[in-house]
Structure formats: structure tokens, C-alpha cells
Amino acid sequence: MSTIIDRVRAYLRSPSGRQTMDKAKRMARDPHNQQKAKSFFERFRSRRH
């Protein structure tokens, strides 16, 4: 029985997994998305205190 991690690794090695990773990397480089992520994490951190 394969673990979830093994399944994820297998997916990321597949062509569609590579496309998904490339898309995620492009989105992560976008300054607008970086700002959205930063504000999300700031809100998340402020709720924990």
C-alpha cells in the first residue's frame, strides 16, 4: 500500500504534475499573489494571539 507522500511524488513526476508545479511557481513569482499570501498569513497570525 502506497502512502500519500508516494502518490504525491508519483503525480509530481507525471507530465500533468509538472505542469501543475510550473503553474504554481509562476503564480508564486507574481507580486500581486505574493501580497495576497502575505496579507492572508498576517491575518492568520493575528487571530492566533
PDB file of N, CA and C in Angstrom:
ATOM      1  N   MET A   1       0.847  -1.183   0.000  1.00  0.00           N
ATOM      2  CA  MET A   1       0.000   0.000   0.000  1.00  0.00           C
ATOM      3  C   MET A   1       0.891   1.244   0.000  1.00  0.00           C
ATOM      4  N   SER A   2       0.651   2.114  -0.958  1.00  0.00           N
ATOM      5  CA  SER A   2       1.485   3.311  -1.041  1.00  0.00           C
ATOM      6  C   SER A   2       0.945   4.403  -0.127  1.00  0.00           C
ATOM      7  N   THR A   3       1.864   5.156   0.401  1.00  0.00           N
ATOM      8  CA  THR A   3       1.468   6.245   1.281  1.00  0.00           C
ATOM      9  C   THR A   3       1.037   7.441   0.445  1.00  0.00           C
ATOM     10  N   ILE A   4       0.449   8.391   1.090  1.00  0.00           N
ATOM     11  CA  ILE A   4       0.013   9.600   0.397  1.00  0.00           C
ATOM     12  C   ILE A   4       1.215  10.320  -0.205  1.00  0.00           C
ATOM     13  N   ILE A   5       2.311  10.351   0.536  1.00  0.00           N
ATOM     14  CA  ILE A   5       3.518  11.020   0.040  1.00  0.00           C
ATOM     15  C   ILE A   5       4.004  10.360  -1.246  1.00  0.00           C
ATOM     16  N   ASP A   6       3.972   9.037  -1.301  1.00  0.00           N
ATOM     17  CA  ASP A   6       4.392   8.331  -2.513  1.00  0.00           C
ATOM     18  C   ASP A   6       3.492   8.683  -3.689  1.00  0.00           C
ATOM     19  N   ARG A   7       2.205   8.800  -3.437  1.00  0.00           N
ATOM     20  CA  ARG A   7       1.267   9.161  -4.500  1.00  0.00           C
ATOM     21  C   ARG A   7       1.521  10.577  -4.994  1.00  0.00           C
ATOM     22  N   VAL A   8       1.798  11.486  -4.068  1.00  0.00           N
ATOM     23  CA  VAL A   8       2.088  12.867  -4.454  1.00  0.00           C
ATOM     24  C   VAL A   8       3.365  12.913  -5.283  1.00  0.00           C
ATOM     25  N   ARG A   9       4.386  12.202  -4.853  1.00  0.00           N
ATOM     26  CA  ARG A   9       5.645  12.165  -5.610  1.00  0.00           C
ATOM     27  C   ARG A   9       5.426  11.621  -7.014  1.00  0.00           C
ATOM     28  N   ALA A  10       4.640  10.561  -7.115  1.00  0.00           N
ATOM     29  CA  ALA A  10       4.367   9.979  -8.429  1.00  0.00           C
ATOM     30  C   ALA A  10       3.620  10.979  -9.308  1.00  0.00           C
ATOM     31  N   TYR A  11       2.665  11.693  -8.741  1.00  0.00           N
ATOM     32  CA  TYR A  11       1.929  12.699  -9.504  1.00  0.00           C
ATOM     33  C   TYR A  11       2.855  13.809  -9.979  1.00  0.00           C
ATOM     34  N   LEU A  12       3.732  14.272  -9.099  1.00  0.00           N
ATOM     35  CA  LEU A  12       4.619  15.370  -9.468  1.00  0.00           C
ATOM     36  C   LEU A  12       5.619  14.967 -10.546  1.00  0.00           C
ATOM     37  N   ARG A  13       5.887  13.682 -10.680  1.00  0.00           N
ATOM     38  CA  ARG A  13       6.780  13.202 -11.740  1.00  0.00           C
ATOM     39  C   ARG A  13       6.052  13.066 -13.076  1.00  0.00           C
ATOM     40  N   SER A  14       4.725  13.045 -13.054  1.00  0.00           N
ATOM     41  CA  SER A  14       3.953  12.887 -14.281  1.00  0.00           C
ATOM     42  C   SER A  14       3.913  14.205 -15.055  1.00  0.00           C
ATOM     43  N   PRO A  15       3.586  14.154 -16.341  1.00  0.00           N
ATOM     44  CA  PRO A  15       3.515  15.397 -17.128  1.00  0.00           C
ATOM     45  C   PRO A  15       2.509  16.404 -16.567  1.00  0.00           C
ATOM     46  N   SER A  16       1.350  15.941 -16.151  1.00  0.00           N
ATOM     47  CA  SER A  16       0.365  16.886 -15.606  1.00  0.00           C
ATOM     48  C   SER A  16       0.829  17.443 -14.268  1.00  0.00           C
ATOM     49  N   GLY A  17       1.548  16.658 -13.506  1.00  0.00           N
ATOM     50  CA  GLY A  17       2.099  17.146 -12.244  1.00  0.00           C
ATOM     51  C   GLY A  17       3.157  18.204 -12.463  1.00  0.00           C
ATOM     52  N   ARG A  18       3.973  18.011 -13.496  1.00  0.00           N
ATOM     53  CA  ARG A  18       4.985  19.024 -13.825  1.00  0.00           C
ATOM     54  C   ARG A  18       4.330  20.322 -14.270  1.00  0.00           C
ATOM     55  N   GLN A  19       3.257  20.210 -15.041  1.00  0.00           N
ATOM     56  CA  GLN A  19       2.534  21.409 -15.470  1.00  0.00           C
ATOM     57  C   GLN A  19       1.956  22.142 -14.269  1.00  0.00           C
ATOM     58  N   THR A  20       1.410  21.391 -13.327  1.00  0.00           N
ATOM     59  CA  THR A  20       0.849  21.997 -12.122  1.00  0.00           C
ATOM     60  C   THR A  20       1.932  22.705 -11.326  1.00  0.00           C
ATOM     61  N   MET A  21       3.095  22.076 -11.192  1.00  0.00           N
ATOM     62  CA  MET A  21       4.198  22.706 -10.461  1.00  0.00           C
ATOM     63  C   MET A  21       4.674  23.971 -11.161  1.00  0.00           C
ATOM     64  N   ASP A  22       4.782  23.930 -12.481  1.00  0.00           N
ATOM     65  CA  ASP A  22       5.204  25.119 -13.225  1.00  0.00           C
ATOM     66  C   ASP A  22       4.212  26.257 -13.043  1.00  0.00           C
ATOM     67  N   LYS A  23       2.931  25.928 -13.084  1.00  0.00           N
ATOM     68  CA  LYS A  23       1.899  26.954 -12.893  1.00  0.00           C
ATOM     69  C   LYS A  23       1.986  27.540 -11.486  1.00  0.00           C
ATOM     70  N   ALA A  24       2.182  26.697 -10.488  1.00  0.00           N
ATOM     71  CA  ALA A  24       2.291  27.176  -9.105  1.00  0.00           C
ATOM     72  C   ALA A  24       3.519  28.063  -8.931  1.00  0.00           C
ATOM     73  N   LYS A  25       4.624  27.691  -9.563  1.00  0.00           N
ATOM     74  CA  LYS A  25       5.841  28.506  -9.463  1.00  0.00           C
ATOM     75  C   LYS A  25       5.650  29.863 -10.125  1.00  0.00           C
ATOM     76  N   ARG A  26       4.974  29.885 -11.288  1.00  0.00           N
ATOM     77  CA  ARG A  26       4.697  31.160 -11.955  1.00  0.00           C
ATOM     78  C   ARG A  26       3.810  32.042 -11.081  1.00  0.00           C
ATOM     79  N   MET A  27       2.795  31.446 -10.483  1.00  0.00           N
ATOM     80  CA  MET A  27       1.891  32.211  -9.627  1.00  0.00           C
ATOM     81  C   MET A  27       2.618  32.723  -8.389  1.00  0.00           C
ATOM     82  N   ALA A  28       3.548  31.954  -7.866  1.00  0.00           N
ATOM     83  CA  ALA A  28       4.290  32.363  -6.669  1.00  0.00           C
ATOM     84  C   ALA A  28       5.227  33.525  -6.962  1.00  0.00           C
ATOM     85  N   ARG A  29       5.685  33.647  -8.192  1.00  0.00           N
ATOM     86  CA  ARG A  29       6.569  34.758  -8.553  1.00  0.00           C
ATOM     87  C   ARG A  29       5.809  36.064  -8.773  1.00  0.00           C
ATOM     88  N   ASP A  30       4.495  36.002  -8.949  1.00  0.00           N
ATOM     89  CA  ASP A  30       3.682  37.188  -9.217  1.00  0.00           C
ATOM     90  C   ASP A  30       3.595  38.056  -7.959  1.00  0.00           C
ATOM     91  N   PRO A  31       4.002  39.320  -8.033  1.00  0.00           N
ATOM     92  CA  PRO A  31       3.978  40.193  -6.848  1.00  0.00           C
ATOM     93  C   PRO A  31       2.582  40.354  -6.245  1.00  0.00           C
ATOM     94  N   HIS A  32       1.554  40.370  -7.090  1.00  0.00           N
ATOM     95  CA  HIS A  32       0.183  40.502  -6.575  1.00  0.00           C
ATOM     96  C   HIS A  32      -0.177  39.295  -5.705  1.00  0.00           C
ATOM     97  N   ASN A  33       0.156  38.107  -6.171  1.00  0.00           N
ATOM     98  CA  ASN A  33      -0.126  36.900  -5.398  1.00  0.00           C
ATOM     99  C   ASN A  33       0.719  36.841  -4.128  1.00  0.00           C
ATOM    100  N   GLN A  34       1.945  37.329  -4.198  1.00  0.00           N
ATOM    101  CA  GLN A  34       2.787  37.368  -3.000  1.00  0.00           C
ATOM    102  C   GLN A  34       2.155  38.257  -1.940  1.00  0.00           C
ATOM    103  N   GLN A  35       1.616  39.403  -2.363  1.00  0.00           N
ATOM    104  CA  GLN A  35       0.976  40.309  -1.416  1.00  0.00           C
ATOM    105  C   GLN A  35      -0.276  39.677  -0.820  1.00  0.00           C
ATOM    106  N   LYS A  36      -1.057  38.977  -1.647  1.00  0.00           N
ATOM    107  CA  LYS A  36      -2.253  38.304  -1.148  1.00  0.00           C
ATOM    108  C   LYS A  36      -1.887  37.250  -0.104  1.00  0.00           C
ATOM    109  N   ALA A  37      -0.843  36.485  -0.373  1.00  0.00           N
ATOM    110  CA  ALA A  37      -0.412  35.452   0.570  1.00  0.00           C
ATOM    111  C   ALA A  37       0.100  36.083   1.859  1.00  0.00           C
ATOM    112  N   LYS A  38       0.854  37.157   1.729  1.00  0.00           N
ATOM    113  CA  LYS A  38       1.394  37.831   2.910  1.00  0.00           C
ATOM    114  C   LYS A  38       0.266  38.357   3.791  1.00  0.00           C
ATOM    115  N   SER A  39      -0.740  38.983   3.184  1.00  0.00           N
ATOM    116  CA  SER A  39      -1.847  39.516   3.983  1.00  0.00           C
ATOM    117  C   SER A  39      -2.657  38.390   4.621  1.00  0.00           C
ATOM    118  N   PHE A  40      -2.803  37.269   3.910  1.00  0.00           N
ATOM    119  CA  PHE A  40      -3.515  36.129   4.484  1.00  0.00           C
ATOM    120  C   PHE A  40      -2.800  35.615   5.724  1.00  0.00           C
ATOM    121  N   PHE A  41      -1.485  35.441   5.633  1.00  0.00           N
ATOM    122  CA  PHE A  41      -0.733  34.924   6.770  1.00  0.00           C
ATOM    123  C   PHE A  41      -0.692  35.915   7.923  1.00  0.00           C
ATOM    124  N   GLU A  42      -0.676  37.195   7.609  1.00  0.00           N
ATOM    125  CA  GLU A  42      -0.727  38.198   8.677  1.00  0.00           C
ATOM    126  C   GLU A  42      -2.057  38.119   9.420  1.00  0.00           C
ATOM    127  N   ARG A  43      -3.156  37.964   8.671  1.00  0.00           N
ATOM    128  CA  ARG A  43      -4.465  37.823   9.319  1.00  0.00           C
ATOM    129  C   ARG A  43      -4.519  36.545  10.141  1.00  0.00           C
ATOM    130  N   PHE A  44      -3.963  35.475   9.617  1.00  0.00           N
ATOM    131  CA  PHE A  44      -3.970  34.200  10.324  1.00  0.00           C
ATOM    132  C   PHE A  44      -3.180  34.304  11.626  1.00  0.00           C
ATOM    133  N   ARG A  45      -2.016  34.945  11.569  1.00  0.00           N
ATOM    134  CA  ARG A  45      -1.190  35.105  12.764  1.00  0.00           C
ATOM    135  C   ARG A  45      -1.865  35.996  13.794  1.00  0.00           C
ATOM    136  N   SER A  46      -2.545  37.035  13.347  1.00  0.00           N
ATOM    137  CA  SER A  46      -3.168  37.957  14.296  1.00  0.00           C
ATOM    138  C   SER A  46      -4.341  37.299  15.014  1.00  0.00           C
ATOM    139  N   ARG A  47      -4.990  36.341  14.410  1.00  0.00           N
ATOM    140  CA  ARG A  47      -6.110  35.645  15.049  1.00  0.00           C
ATOM    141  C   ARG A  47      -5.640  34.680  16.128  1.00  0.00           C
ATOM    142  N   ARG A  48      -4.432  34.217  16.038  1.00  0.00           N
ATOM    143  CA  ARG A  48      -3.928  33.228  16.997  1.00  0.00           C
ATOM    144  C   ARG A  48      -3.537  33.858  18.318  1.00  0.00           C
ATOM    145  N   HIS A  49      -3.333  35.162  18.358  1.00  0.00           N
ATOM    146  CA  HIS A  49      -2.882  35.813  19.591  1.00  0.00           C
ATOM    147  C   HIS A  49      -4.019  36.212  20.448  1.00  0.00           C
TER     148      HIS A  49
END
